[in-house]
Amino acid sequence: MASTRFLDPSSVPLKRQSGGNIWATLAYITQGAIIVALLVVVGIFFLPVIQTENRHKVDQARLQRQITDALADQEQLKLETEQMKNNPTYVEHIARDELNMGKPGEVILHFDSYQAPPPESKAGDPASADDASN
């Protein structure tokens, strides 16, 4: 019962002297300010917890993607292992393409991967002349 009396503007002793309008208004403003201040304090205390939870959710989603990718890789490796065990044509294909192996008497040609030459500056180019003078 003391809490309702504390929040009641009629319990302010100076209300009867000034007509009550100012004190009642000040009581409501003070109560509102206290409530807002308490909400801000609670928000400040819980903000790091909320940020940590969001980071954990992002990490969990990233790890779940990694698990999914690893399971897909595992399934692919299982299929490849089964092919190597049961399919001699597949083994021959892997030996030729990845290990550069061949049958006796075959000639194996190996080509390097294409690499673009680095760009060369022309002698008549004004930008290259400026670079050369500096």
Protein backbone atom coordinates (compact mmCIF):
# COMPACT_ATOMS: atom_id res chain seq x y z
CA MET A 1 0.00 0.00 0.00
CA ALA A 2 2.94 2.31 0.54
CA SER A 3 3.90 2.10 -3.12
CA THR A 4 0.49 3.32 -4.31
CA ARG A 5 0.64 6.19 -1.86
CA PHE A 6 4.15 7.08 -3.13
CA LEU A 7 2.98 7.27 -6.73
CA ASP A 8 -0.23 9.14 -5.86
CA PRO A 9 0.09 12.90 -6.62
CA SER A 10 -2.55 13.70 -3.98
CA SER A 11 -0.05 12.65 -1.29
CA VAL A 12 2.16 15.65 -2.10
CA PRO A 13 1.72 18.09 0.84
CA LEU A 14 2.05 21.31 -1.17
CA LYS A 15 -0.75 20.33 -3.55
CA ARG A 16 -3.38 22.09 -1.49
CA GLN A 17 -1.39 25.35 -1.37
CA SER A 18 -0.76 25.81 -5.11
CA GLY A 19 -3.96 24.39 -6.49
CA GLY A 20 -2.31 21.06 -7.30
CA ASN A 21 -1.66 21.49 -11.02
CA ILE A 22 2.11 22.01 -10.94
CA TRP A 23 2.87 19.34 -8.35
CA ALA A 24 0.66 16.76 -10.01
CA THR A 25 2.35 17.45 -13.34
CA LEU A 26 5.81 17.32 -11.76
CA ALA A 27 4.97 14.01 -10.07
CA TYR A 28 3.93 12.45 -13.38
CA ILE A 29 7.00 13.84 -15.17
CA THR A 30 9.28 12.55 -12.41
CA GLN A 31 7.67 9.11 -12.51
CA GLY A 32 8.04 9.00 -16.30
CA ALA A 33 11.68 10.10 -16.10
CA ILE A 34 12.44 7.42 -13.49
CA ILE A 35 10.80 4.73 -15.62
CA VAL A 36 12.71 5.84 -18.73
CA ALA A 37 15.98 5.96 -16.77
CA LEU A 38 15.41 2.44 -15.43
CA LEU A 39 14.65 1.15 -18.92
CA VAL A 40 17.85 2.76 -20.25
CA VAL A 41 19.92 1.23 -17.45
CA VAL A 42 18.42 -2.21 -18.07
CA GLY A 43 19.05 -1.78 -21.81
CA ILE A 44 22.66 -0.83 -21.20
CA PHE A 45 23.18 -3.94 -19.05
CA PHE A 46 21.60 -6.26 -21.62
CA LEU A 47 23.17 -4.77 -24.76
CA PRO A 48 26.45 -6.76 -24.48
CA VAL A 49 24.47 -9.95 -23.89
CA ILE A 50 22.38 -9.32 -27.01
CA GLN A 51 25.49 -8.56 -29.08
CA THR A 52 27.18 -11.74 -27.84
CA GLU A 53 24.11 -13.77 -28.71
CA ASN A 54 24.06 -12.30 -32.23
CA ARG A 55 27.76 -13.17 -32.70
CA HIS A 56 27.06 -16.72 -31.55
CA LYS A 57 24.19 -17.04 -34.02
CA VAL A 58 26.43 -15.86 -36.87
CA ASP A 59 29.16 -18.31 -35.80
CA GLN A 60 26.61 -21.11 -35.56
CA ALA A 61 25.34 -20.41 -39.09
CA ARG A 62 28.93 -20.35 -40.42
CA LEU A 63 29.76 -23.63 -38.70
CA GLN A 64 26.55 -25.20 -39.99
CA ARG A 65 27.55 -24.23 -43.56
CA GLN A 66 30.98 -25.77 -42.99
CA ILE A 67 29.38 -28.97 -41.73
CA THR A 68 27.11 -29.11 -44.76
CA ASP A 69 30.06 -28.57 -47.10
CA ALA A 70 32.11 -31.23 -45.30
CA LEU A 71 29.25 -33.73 -45.53
CA ALA A 72 28.92 -33.04 -49.26
CA ASP A 73 32.69 -33.55 -49.69
CA GLN A 74 32.50 -36.76 -47.68
CA GLU A 75 29.69 -38.07 -49.88
CA GLN A 76 31.69 -37.22 -53.01
CA LEU A 77 34.75 -39.02 -51.62
CA LYS A 78 32.65 -42.07 -50.77
CA LEU A 79 31.34 -42.18 -54.35
CA GLU A 80 34.84 -41.78 -55.73
CA THR A 81 36.13 -44.55 -53.47
CA GLU A 82 33.38 -46.89 -54.62
CA GLN A 83 34.20 -46.04 -58.26
CA MET A 84 37.88 -46.81 -57.65
CA LYS A 85 37.04 -50.14 -56.03
CA ASN A 86 34.54 -51.32 -58.63
CA ASN A 87 35.27 -49.55 -61.95
CA PRO A 88 38.64 -50.22 -63.65
CA THR A 89 37.84 -47.67 -66.38
CA TYR A 90 37.55 -44.94 -63.76
CA VAL A 91 40.89 -45.97 -62.23
CA GLU A 92 42.49 -45.77 -65.67
CA HIS A 93 40.95 -42.33 -66.22
CA ILE A 94 42.35 -41.06 -62.88
CA ALA A 95 45.78 -42.57 -63.61
CA ARG A 96 45.97 -40.89 -67.01
CA ASP A 97 44.53 -37.47 -66.13
CA GLU A 98 45.76 -36.80 -62.62
CA LEU A 99 48.88 -38.94 -62.30
CA ASN A 100 50.15 -38.50 -65.89
CA MET A 101 50.54 -42.25 -66.30
CA GLY A 102 50.18 -44.21 -69.51
CA LYS A 103 50.33 -47.68 -70.93
CA PRO A 104 53.67 -49.07 -72.04
CA GLY A 105 54.65 -47.59 -75.39
CA GLU A 106 52.43 -44.49 -75.11
CA VAL A 107 53.90 -41.00 -75.27
CA ILE A 108 52.53 -38.55 -72.70
CA LEU A 109 52.42 -34.88 -73.64
CA HIS A 110 52.10 -32.40 -70.79
CA PHE A 111 51.13 -28.79 -71.49
CA ASP A 112 51.67 -26.01 -68.98
CA SER A 113 48.62 -23.96 -68.08
CA TYR A 114 48.20 -20.71 -70.01
CA GLN A 115 49.47 -17.60 -68.28
CA ALA A 116 48.95 -14.14 -69.77
CA PRO A 117 52.19 -12.18 -70.22
CA PRO A 118 52.56 -9.11 -67.99
CA PRO A 119 51.48 -5.85 -69.64
CA GLU A 120 54.37 -3.97 -71.21
CA SER A 121 54.50 -0.20 -71.53
CA LYS A 122 55.18 1.24 -74.97
CA ALA A 123 58.14 3.57 -75.53
CA GLY A 124 55.97 6.20 -77.27
CA ASP A 125 53.38 6.26 -74.48
CA PRO A 126 53.45 9.64 -72.60
CA ALA A 127 52.61 7.93 -69.30
CA SER A 128 55.64 5.64 -69.56
CA ALA A 129 57.86 8.63 -70.47
CA ASP A 130 56.69 10.42 -67.28
CA ASP A 131 57.42 7.33 -65.21
CA ALA A 132 60.90 6.99 -66.74
CA SER A 133 61.79 10.65 -66.04
CA ASN A 134 60.78 10.39 -62.33
